[in-house]
Full PDB file with SEQRES, HELIX, SHEET, SSBOND, CRYST1, ORIGX, SCALE, CONECT and MASTER records, all heavy atoms in Angstrom:
SEQRES   1 A   31  ALA TYR ILE LEU TYR ASN SER ASP ALA PRO ASP ARG LYS          
SEQRES   2 A   31  PRO LEU TYR PRO GLY HIS ARG THR ILE ARG MET TYR GLU          
SEQRES   3 A   31  PHE ASP ALA LYS ASN                                          
HELIX    1 AA1 PRO A   10  ARG A   12  5                                   3    
SHEET    1 AA1 2 TYR A   2  SER A   7  0                                        
SHEET    2 AA1 2 THR A  21  GLU A  26 -1                                        
CRYST1    1.000    1.000    1.000  90.00  90.00  90.00 P 1           1          
ORIGX1      1.000000  0.000000  0.000000        0.00000                         
ORIGX2      0.000000  1.000000  0.000000        0.00000                         
ORIGX3      0.000000  0.000000  1.000000        0.00000                         
SCALE1      1.000000  0.000000  0.000000        0.00000                         
SCALE2      0.000000  1.000000  0.000000        0.00000                         
SCALE3      0.000000  0.000000  1.000000        0.00000                         
ATOM      1  N   ALA A   1     127.119  53.930 139.276  1.00  0.00           N  
ATOM      2  CA  ALA A   1     127.804  55.102 138.749  1.00  0.00           C  
ATOM      3  C   ALA A   1     126.897  55.781 137.715  1.00  0.00           C  
ATOM      4  O   ALA A   1     126.044  55.148 137.072  1.00  0.00           O  
ATOM      5  CB  ALA A   1     129.128  54.704 138.111  1.00  0.00           C  
ATOM      6  N   TYR A   2     127.122  57.094 137.527  1.00  0.00           N  
ATOM      7  CA  TYR A   2     126.306  57.896 136.608  1.00  0.00           C  
ATOM      8  C   TYR A   2     127.209  58.893 135.876  1.00  0.00           C  
ATOM      9  O   TYR A   2     128.201  59.339 136.435  1.00  0.00           O  
ATOM     10  CB  TYR A   2     125.224  58.648 137.368  1.00  0.00           C  
ATOM     11  CG  TYR A   2     124.344  57.756 138.195  1.00  0.00           C  
ATOM     12  CD1 TYR A   2     124.691  57.426 139.509  1.00  0.00           C  
ATOM     13  CD2 TYR A   2     123.159  57.214 137.670  1.00  0.00           C  
ATOM     14  CE1 TYR A   2     123.899  56.576 140.285  1.00  0.00           C  
ATOM     15  CE2 TYR A   2     122.373  56.370 138.440  1.00  0.00           C  
ATOM     16  CZ  TYR A   2     122.732  56.057 139.728  1.00  0.00           C  
ATOM     17  OH  TYR A   2     121.941  55.211 140.479  1.00  0.00           O  
ATOM     18  N   ILE A   3     126.835  59.194 134.654  1.00  0.00           N  
ATOM     19  CA  ILE A   3     127.532  60.240 133.900  1.00  0.00           C  
ATOM     20  C   ILE A   3     126.536  61.340 133.537  1.00  0.00           C  
ATOM     21  O   ILE A   3     125.481  61.067 132.970  1.00  0.00           O  
ATOM     22  CB  ILE A   3     128.237  59.646 132.647  1.00  0.00           C  
ATOM     23  CG1 ILE A   3     129.075  60.737 131.966  1.00  0.00           C  
ATOM     24  CG2 ILE A   3     127.270  58.995 131.689  1.00  0.00           C  
ATOM     25  CD1 ILE A   3     130.056  60.196 130.927  1.00  0.00           C  
ATOM     26  N   LEU A   4     126.845  62.554 133.933  1.00  0.00           N  
ATOM     27  CA  LEU A   4     125.978  63.697 133.656  1.00  0.00           C  
ATOM     28  C   LEU A   4     126.741  64.729 132.843  1.00  0.00           C  
ATOM     29  O   LEU A   4     127.985  64.796 132.891  1.00  0.00           O  
ATOM     30  CB  LEU A   4     125.392  64.287 134.920  1.00  0.00           C  
ATOM     31  CG  LEU A   4     126.293  64.908 135.980  1.00  0.00           C  
ATOM     32  CD1 LEU A   4     125.488  65.858 136.853  1.00  0.00           C  
ATOM     33  CD2 LEU A   4     126.925  63.811 136.858  1.00  0.00           C  
ATOM     34  N   TYR A   5     126.015  65.606 132.104  1.00  0.00           N  
ATOM     35  CA  TYR A   5     126.672  66.454 131.131  1.00  0.00           C  
ATOM     36  C   TYR A   5     125.697  67.551 130.668  1.00  0.00           C  
ATOM     37  O   TYR A   5     124.482  67.472 130.858  1.00  0.00           O  
ATOM     38  CB  TYR A   5     127.145  65.654 129.929  1.00  0.00           C  
ATOM     39  CG  TYR A   5     126.107  64.710 129.345  1.00  0.00           C  
ATOM     40  CD1 TYR A   5     125.362  65.091 128.250  1.00  0.00           C  
ATOM     41  CD2 TYR A   5     125.850  63.476 129.929  1.00  0.00           C  
ATOM     42  CE1 TYR A   5     124.382  64.234 127.730  1.00  0.00           C  
ATOM     43  CE2 TYR A   5     124.874  62.624 129.438  1.00  0.00           C  
ATOM     44  CZ  TYR A   5     124.148  63.018 128.330  1.00  0.00           C  
ATOM     45  OH  TYR A   5     123.167  62.192 127.838  1.00  0.00           O  
ATOM     46  N   ASN A   6     126.272  68.571 130.047  1.00  0.00           N  
ATOM     47  CA  ASN A   6     125.513  69.637 129.407  1.00  0.00           C  
ATOM     48  C   ASN A   6     125.073  69.144 128.035  1.00  0.00           C  
ATOM     49  O   ASN A   6     125.868  68.567 127.288  1.00  0.00           O  
ATOM     50  CB  ASN A   6     126.430  70.867 129.280  1.00  0.00           C  
ATOM     51  CG  ASN A   6     125.967  71.883 128.260  1.00  0.00           C  
ATOM     52  OD1 ASN A   6     125.803  71.587 127.090  1.00  0.00           O  
ATOM     53  ND2 ASN A   6     125.806  73.120 128.717  1.00  0.00           N  
ATOM     54  N   SER A   7     123.797  69.354 127.702  1.00  0.00           N  
ATOM     55  CA  SER A   7     123.302  68.869 126.423  1.00  0.00           C  
ATOM     56  C   SER A   7     122.338  69.867 125.800  1.00  0.00           C  
ATOM     57  O   SER A   7     122.113  70.969 126.336  1.00  0.00           O  
ATOM     58  CB  SER A   7     122.601  67.496 126.609  1.00  0.00           C  
ATOM     59  OG  SER A   7     122.361  66.877 125.358  1.00  0.00           O  
ATOM     60  N   ASP A   8     121.751  69.459 124.656  1.00  0.00           N  
ATOM     61  CA  ASP A   8     120.865  70.337 123.924  1.00  0.00           C  
ATOM     62  C   ASP A   8     119.589  70.638 124.670  1.00  0.00           C  
ATOM     63  O   ASP A   8     119.223  69.939 125.630  1.00  0.00           O  
ATOM     64  CB  ASP A   8     120.506  69.680 122.588  1.00  0.00           C  
ATOM     65  CG  ASP A   8     121.684  69.519 121.651  1.00  0.00           C  
ATOM     66  OD1 ASP A   8     122.491  70.466 121.591  1.00  0.00           O  
ATOM     67  OD2 ASP A   8     121.806  68.467 120.999  1.00  0.00           O  
ATOM     68  N   ALA A   9     118.900  71.667 124.225  1.00  0.00           N  
ATOM     69  CA  ALA A   9     117.550  71.979 124.728  1.00  0.00           C  
ATOM     70  C   ALA A   9     116.616  70.814 124.407  1.00  0.00           C  
ATOM     71  O   ALA A   9     116.897  70.004 123.520  1.00  0.00           O  
ATOM     72  CB  ALA A   9     117.046  73.265 124.102  1.00  0.00           C  
ATOM     73  N   PRO A  10     115.479  70.699 125.127  1.00  0.00           N  
ATOM     74  CA  PRO A  10     114.539  69.600 124.831  1.00  0.00           C  
ATOM     75  C   PRO A  10     114.139  69.572 123.364  1.00  0.00           C  
ATOM     76  O   PRO A  10     113.826  70.609 122.769  1.00  0.00           O  
ATOM     77  CB  PRO A  10     113.343  69.956 125.734  1.00  0.00           C  
ATOM     78  CG  PRO A  10     113.945  70.733 126.860  1.00  0.00           C  
ATOM     79  CD  PRO A  10     115.050  71.527 126.247  1.00  0.00           C  
ATOM     80  N   ASP A  11     114.195  68.364 122.795  1.00  0.00           N  
ATOM     81  CA  ASP A  11     113.859  68.151 121.383  1.00  0.00           C  
ATOM     82  C   ASP A  11     114.709  68.993 120.436  1.00  0.00           C  
ATOM     83  O   ASP A  11     114.330  69.232 119.299  1.00  0.00           O  
ATOM     84  CB  ASP A  11     112.365  68.423 121.131  1.00  0.00           C  
ATOM     85  CG  ASP A  11     111.475  67.535 121.965  1.00  0.00           C  
ATOM     86  OD1 ASP A  11     111.801  66.350 122.099  1.00  0.00           O  
ATOM     87  OD2 ASP A  11     110.479  68.040 122.502  1.00  0.00           O  
ATOM     88  N   ARG A  12     115.863  69.479 120.937  1.00  0.00           N  
ATOM     89  CA  ARG A  12     116.744  70.344 120.166  1.00  0.00           C  
ATOM     90  C   ARG A  12     116.018  71.571 119.636  1.00  0.00           C  
ATOM     91  O   ARG A  12     116.298  72.077 118.532  1.00  0.00           O  
ATOM     92  CB  ARG A  12     117.378  69.551 119.002  1.00  0.00           C  
ATOM     93  CG  ARG A  12     118.291  68.433 119.479  1.00  0.00           C  
ATOM     94  CD  ARG A  12     119.095  67.836 118.354  1.00  0.00           C  
ATOM     95  NE  ARG A  12     120.007  66.815 118.855  1.00  0.00           N  
ATOM     96  CZ  ARG A  12     120.868  66.148 118.104  1.00  0.00           C  
ATOM     97  NH1 ARG A  12     120.914  66.394 116.800  1.00  0.00           N  
ATOM     98  NH2 ARG A  12     121.678  65.238 118.617  1.00  0.00           N  
ATOM     99  N   LYS A  13     115.096  72.094 120.437  1.00  0.00           N  
ATOM    100  CA  LYS A  13     114.337  73.287 120.084  1.00  0.00           C  
ATOM    101  C   LYS A  13     114.531  74.346 121.174  1.00  0.00           C  
ATOM    102  O   LYS A  13     113.674  74.492 122.063  1.00  0.00           O  
ATOM    103  CB  LYS A  13     112.847  72.956 119.883  1.00  0.00           C  
ATOM    104  CG  LYS A  13     112.598  71.993 118.725  1.00  0.00           C  
ATOM    105  CD  LYS A  13     111.113  71.656 118.616  1.00  0.00           C  
ATOM    106  CE  LYS A  13     110.855  70.705 117.472  1.00  0.00           C  
ATOM    107  NZ  LYS A  13     109.398  70.325 117.380  1.00  0.00           N  
ATOM    108  N   PRO A  14     115.648  75.064 121.138  1.00  0.00           N  
ATOM    109  CA  PRO A  14     115.909  76.057 122.192  1.00  0.00           C  
ATOM    110  C   PRO A  14     114.870  77.172 122.166  1.00  0.00           C  
ATOM    111  O   PRO A  14     114.484  77.643 121.109  1.00  0.00           O  
ATOM    112  CB  PRO A  14     117.308  76.570 121.871  1.00  0.00           C  
ATOM    113  CG  PRO A  14     117.503  76.275 120.419  1.00  0.00           C  
ATOM    114  CD  PRO A  14     116.726  75.022 120.147  1.00  0.00           C  
ATOM    115  N   LEU A  15     114.490  77.613 123.358  1.00  0.00           N  
ATOM    116  CA  LEU A  15     113.545  78.711 123.502  1.00  0.00           C  
ATOM    117  C   LEU A  15     114.242  80.052 123.338  1.00  0.00           C  
ATOM    118  O   LEU A  15     113.565  81.061 123.106  1.00  0.00           O  
ATOM    119  CB  LEU A  15     112.850  78.648 124.839  1.00  0.00           C  
ATOM    120  CG  LEU A  15     112.063  77.338 125.147  1.00  0.00           C  
ATOM    121  CD1 LEU A  15     111.496  77.387 126.568  1.00  0.00           C  
ATOM    122  CD2 LEU A  15     110.962  77.146 124.125  1.00  0.00           C  
ATOM    123  N   TYR A  16     115.549  80.053 123.479  1.00  0.00           N  
ATOM    124  CA  TYR A  16     116.342  81.301 123.396  1.00  0.00           C  
ATOM    125  C   TYR A  16     117.805  80.889 123.256  1.00  0.00           C  
ATOM    126  O   TYR A  16     118.170  79.753 123.549  1.00  0.00           O  
ATOM    127  CB  TYR A  16     116.149  82.151 124.641  1.00  0.00           C  
ATOM    128  CG  TYR A  16     116.370  81.388 125.926  1.00  0.00           C  
ATOM    129  CD1 TYR A  16     117.625  81.263 126.493  1.00  0.00           C  
ATOM    130  CD2 TYR A  16     115.301  80.771 126.576  1.00  0.00           C  
ATOM    131  CE1 TYR A  16     117.833  80.524 127.640  1.00  0.00           C  
ATOM    132  CE2 TYR A  16     115.496  80.038 127.736  1.00  0.00           C  
ATOM    133  CZ  TYR A  16     116.769  79.926 128.277  1.00  0.00           C  
ATOM    134  OH  TYR A  16     116.986  79.198 129.409  1.00  0.00           O  
ATOM    135  N   PRO A  17     118.689  81.792 122.789  1.00  0.00           N  
ATOM    136  CA  PRO A  17     120.111  81.445 122.678  1.00  0.00           C  
ATOM    137  C   PRO A  17     120.709  81.082 124.028  1.00  0.00           C  
ATOM    138  O   PRO A  17     120.467  81.778 125.037  1.00  0.00           O  
ATOM    139  CB  PRO A  17     120.732  82.734 122.121  1.00  0.00           C  
ATOM    140  CG  PRO A  17     119.612  83.441 121.434  1.00  0.00           C  
ATOM    141  CD  PRO A  17     118.391  83.115 122.225  1.00  0.00           C  
ATOM    142  N   GLY A  18     121.486  80.002 124.080  1.00  0.00           N  
ATOM    143  CA  GLY A  18     122.079  79.565 125.341  1.00  0.00           C  
ATOM    144  C   GLY A  18     121.193  78.636 126.178  1.00  0.00           C  
ATOM    145  O   GLY A  18     121.564  78.245 127.275  1.00  0.00           O  
ATOM    146  N   HIS A  19     119.994  78.272 125.642  1.00  0.00           N  
ATOM    147  CA  HIS A  19     119.112  77.354 126.332  1.00  0.00           C  
ATOM    148  C   HIS A  19     119.679  75.934 126.226  1.00  0.00           C  
ATOM    149  O   HIS A  19     119.820  75.368 125.145  1.00  0.00           O  
ATOM    150  CB  HIS A  19     117.726  77.418 125.701  1.00  0.00           C  
ATOM    151  CG  HIS A  19     116.738  76.461 126.329  1.00  0.00           C  
ATOM    152  ND1 HIS A  19     115.547  76.140 125.723  1.00  0.00           N  
ATOM    153  CD2 HIS A  19     116.745  75.778 127.505  1.00  0.00           C  
ATOM    154  CE1 HIS A  19     114.867  75.298 126.477  1.00  0.00           C  
ATOM    155  NE2 HIS A  19     115.580  75.069 127.575  1.00  0.00           N  
ATOM    156  N   ARG A  20     120.069  75.374 127.374  1.00  0.00           N  
ATOM    157  CA  ARG A  20     120.671  74.039 127.400  1.00  0.00           C  
ATOM    158  C   ARG A  20     120.005  73.205 128.518  1.00  0.00           C  
ATOM    159  O   ARG A  20     119.160  73.697 129.267  1.00  0.00           O  
ATOM    160  CB  ARG A  20     122.182  74.146 127.659  1.00  0.00           C  
ATOM    161  CG  ARG A  20     122.944  74.982 126.660  1.00  0.00           C  
ATOM    162  CD  ARG A  20     123.136  74.278 125.348  1.00  0.00           C  
ATOM    163  NE  ARG A  20     124.119  73.201 125.462  1.00  0.00           N  
ATOM    164  CZ  ARG A  20     124.449  72.366 124.471  1.00  0.00           C  
ATOM    165  NH1 ARG A  20     123.862  72.473 123.299  1.00  0.00           N  
ATOM    166  NH2 ARG A  20     125.357  71.428 124.640  1.00  0.00           N  
ATOM    167  N   THR A  21     120.424  71.956 128.609  1.00  0.00           N  
ATOM    168  CA  THR A  21     119.922  71.066 129.646  1.00  0.00           C  
ATOM    169  C   THR A  21     121.068  70.316 130.319  1.00  0.00           C  
ATOM    170  O   THR A  21     122.170  70.247 129.771  1.00  0.00           O  
ATOM    171  CB  THR A  21     118.933  70.027 129.079  1.00  0.00           C  
ATOM    172  OG1 THR A  21     119.632  69.260 128.073  1.00  0.00           O  
ATOM    173  CG2 THR A  21     117.709  70.690 128.447  1.00  0.00           C  
ATOM    174  N   ILE A  22     120.775  69.739 131.484  1.00  0.00           N  
ATOM    175  CA  ILE A  22     121.673  68.777 132.124  1.00  0.00           C  
ATOM    176  C   ILE A  22     120.989  67.405 132.010  1.00  0.00           C  
ATOM    177  O   ILE A  22     119.832  67.241 132.388  1.00  0.00           O  
ATOM    178  CB  ILE A  22     121.950  69.099 133.598  1.00  0.00           C  
ATOM    179  CG1 ILE A  22     122.632  70.475 133.722  1.00  0.00           C  
ATOM    180  CG2 ILE A  22     122.811  68.004 134.233  1.00  0.00           C  
ATOM    181  CD1 ILE A  22     123.967  70.563 133.071  1.00  0.00           C  
ATOM    182  N   ARG A  23     121.731  66.430 131.488  1.00  0.00           N  
ATOM    183  CA  ARG A  23     121.175  65.086 131.284  1.00  0.00           C  
ATOM    184  C   ARG A  23     122.102  64.063 131.917  1.00  0.00           C  
ATOM    185  O   ARG A  23     123.286  64.329 132.187  1.00  0.00           O  
ATOM    186  CB  ARG A  23     120.992  64.812 129.815  1.00  0.00           C  
ATOM    187  CG  ARG A  23     120.119  65.850 129.120  1.00  0.00           C  
ATOM    188  CD  ARG A  23     119.770  65.503 127.707  1.00  0.00           C  
ATOM    189  NE  ARG A  23     119.012  66.559 127.062  1.00  0.00           N  
ATOM    190  CZ  ARG A  23     118.236  66.389 126.013  1.00  0.00           C  
ATOM    191  NH1 ARG A  23     118.094  65.189 125.466  1.00  0.00           N  
ATOM    192  NH2 ARG A  23     117.555  67.372 125.507  1.00  0.00           N  
ATOM    193  N   MET A  24     121.596  62.844 132.090  1.00  0.00           N  
ATOM    194  CA  MET A  24     122.378  61.825 132.785  1.00  0.00           C  
ATOM    195  C   MET A  24     122.020  60.419 132.294  1.00  0.00           C  
ATOM    196  O   MET A  24     120.869  60.138 131.950  1.00  0.00           O  
ATOM    197  CB  MET A  24     122.134  61.912 134.289  1.00  0.00           C  
ATOM    198  CG  MET A  24     123.039  61.012 135.135  1.00  0.00           C  
ATOM    199  SD  MET A  24     122.972  61.446 136.892  1.00  0.00           S  
ATOM    200  CE  MET A  24     121.395  60.715 137.374  1.00  0.00           C  
ATOM    201  N   TYR A  25     123.027  59.564 132.261  1.00  0.00           N  
ATOM    202  CA  TYR A  25     122.882  58.118 132.056  1.00  0.00           C  
ATOM    203  C   TYR A  25     123.438  57.417 133.277  1.00  0.00           C  
ATOM    204  O   TYR A  25     124.348  57.934 133.961  1.00  0.00           O  
ATOM    205  CB  TYR A  25     123.737  57.636 130.865  1.00  0.00           C  
ATOM    206  CG  TYR A  25     123.162  57.796 129.482  1.00  0.00           C  
ATOM    207  CD1 TYR A  25     123.591  58.836 128.674  1.00  0.00           C  
ATOM    208  CD2 TYR A  25     122.245  56.884 128.954  1.00  0.00           C  
ATOM    209  CE1 TYR A  25     123.142  58.974 127.347  1.00  0.00           C  
ATOM    210  CE2 TYR A  25     121.784  57.002 127.655  1.00  0.00           C  
ATOM    211  CZ  TYR A  25     122.226  58.040 126.877  1.00  0.00           C  
ATOM    212  OH  TYR A  25     121.742  58.157 125.570  1.00  0.00           O  
ATOM    213  N   GLU A  26     122.950  56.219 133.529  1.00  0.00           N  
ATOM    214  CA  GLU A  26     123.686  55.311 134.409  1.00  0.00           C  
ATOM    215  C   GLU A  26     124.928  54.873 133.629  1.00  0.00           C  
ATOM    216  O   GLU A  26     124.933  54.818 132.373  1.00  0.00           O  
ATOM    217  CB  GLU A  26     122.848  54.107 134.799  1.00  0.00           C  
ATOM    218  CG  GLU A  26     123.517  53.248 135.881  1.00  0.00           C  
ATOM    219  CD  GLU A  26     122.668  52.087 136.356  1.00  0.00           C  
ATOM    220  OE1 GLU A  26     121.431  52.103 136.147  1.00  0.00           O  
ATOM    221  OE2 GLU A  26     123.256  51.147 136.944  1.00  0.00           O  
ATOM    222  N   PHE A  27     126.018  54.556 134.356  1.00  0.00           N  
ATOM    223  CA  PHE A  27     127.286  54.286 133.691  1.00  0.00           C  
ATOM    224  C   PHE A  27     127.880  52.967 134.197  1.00  0.00           C  
ATOM    225  O   PHE A  27     127.893  52.700 135.392  1.00  0.00           O  
ATOM    226  CB  PHE A  27     128.270  55.434 133.969  1.00  0.00           C  
ATOM    227  CG  PHE A  27     129.564  55.328 133.237  1.00  0.00           C  
ATOM    228  CD1 PHE A  27     129.609  55.565 131.869  1.00  0.00           C  
ATOM    229  CD2 PHE A  27     130.748  54.980 133.878  1.00  0.00           C  
ATOM    230  CE1 PHE A  27     130.813  55.476 131.162  1.00  0.00           C  
ATOM    231  CE2 PHE A  27     131.945  54.876 133.194  1.00  0.00           C  
ATOM    232  CZ  PHE A  27     131.971  55.148 131.827  1.00  0.00           C  
ATOM    233  N   ASP A  28     128.332  52.144 133.275  1.00  0.00           N  
ATOM    234  CA  ASP A  28     129.011  50.893 133.579  1.00  0.00           C  
ATOM    235  C   ASP A  28     130.500  51.184 133.733  1.00  0.00           C  
ATOM    236  O   ASP A  28     131.214  51.339 132.718  1.00  0.00           O  
ATOM    237  CB  ASP A  28     128.744  49.888 132.461  1.00  0.00           C  
ATOM    238  CG  ASP A  28     129.405  48.527 132.718  1.00  0.00           C  
ATOM    239  OD1 ASP A  28     130.291  48.448 133.579  1.00  0.00           O  
ATOM    240  OD2 ASP A  28     129.039  47.561 132.002  1.00  0.00           O  
ATOM    241  N   ALA A  29     130.965  51.329 134.964  1.00  0.00           N  
ATOM    242  CA  ALA A  29     132.352  51.730 135.210  1.00  0.00           C  
ATOM    243  C   ALA A  29     133.369  50.643 134.849  1.00  0.00           C  
ATOM    244  O   ALA A  29     134.535  50.916 134.680  1.00  0.00           O  
ATOM    245  CB  ALA A  29     132.524  52.144 136.666  1.00  0.00           C  
ATOM    246  N   LYS A  30     132.890  49.388 134.775  1.00  0.00           N  
ATOM    247  CA  LYS A  30     133.808  48.300 134.438  1.00  0.00           C  
ATOM    248  C   LYS A  30     134.039  48.238 132.939  1.00  0.00           C  
ATOM    249  O   LYS A  30     135.188  48.120 132.471  1.00  0.00           O  
ATOM    250  CB  LYS A  30     133.230  46.972 134.929  1.00  0.00           C  
ATOM    251  CG  LYS A  30     134.141  45.794 134.651  1.00  0.00           C  
ATOM    252  CD  LYS A  30     133.543  44.489 135.202  1.00  0.00           C  
ATOM    253  CE  LYS A  30     134.451  43.293 134.901  1.00  0.00           C  
ATOM    254  NZ  LYS A  30     133.871  42.018 135.407  1.00  0.00           N  
ATOM    255  N   ASN A  31     132.973  48.346 132.172  1.00  0.00           N  
ATOM    256  CA  ASN A  31     133.069  48.259 130.717  1.00  0.00           C  
ATOM    257  C   ASN A  31     133.083  49.612 130.011  1.00  0.00           C  
ATOM    258  O   ASN A  31     133.149  49.679 128.784  1.00  0.00           O  
ATOM    259  CB  ASN A  31     131.913  47.409 130.196  1.00  0.00           C  
ATOM    260  CG  ASN A  31     131.996  45.978 130.690  1.00  0.00           C  
ATOM    261  OD1 ASN A  31     132.960  45.271 130.441  1.00  0.00           O  
ATOM    262  ND2 ASN A  31     130.953  45.541 131.429  1.00  0.00           N  
TER     263      ASN A  31                                                      
MASTER        0    0    0    1    2    0    0    6  262    1    0    3          
END                                                                             
């Protein structure tokens, strides 16, 4: 399982207003 989401720009340094990223972790669905 995986959890993905909208997150900050790389290194929290946006190149312009509204610059965001999609990021993901593997997810432990049991715990």
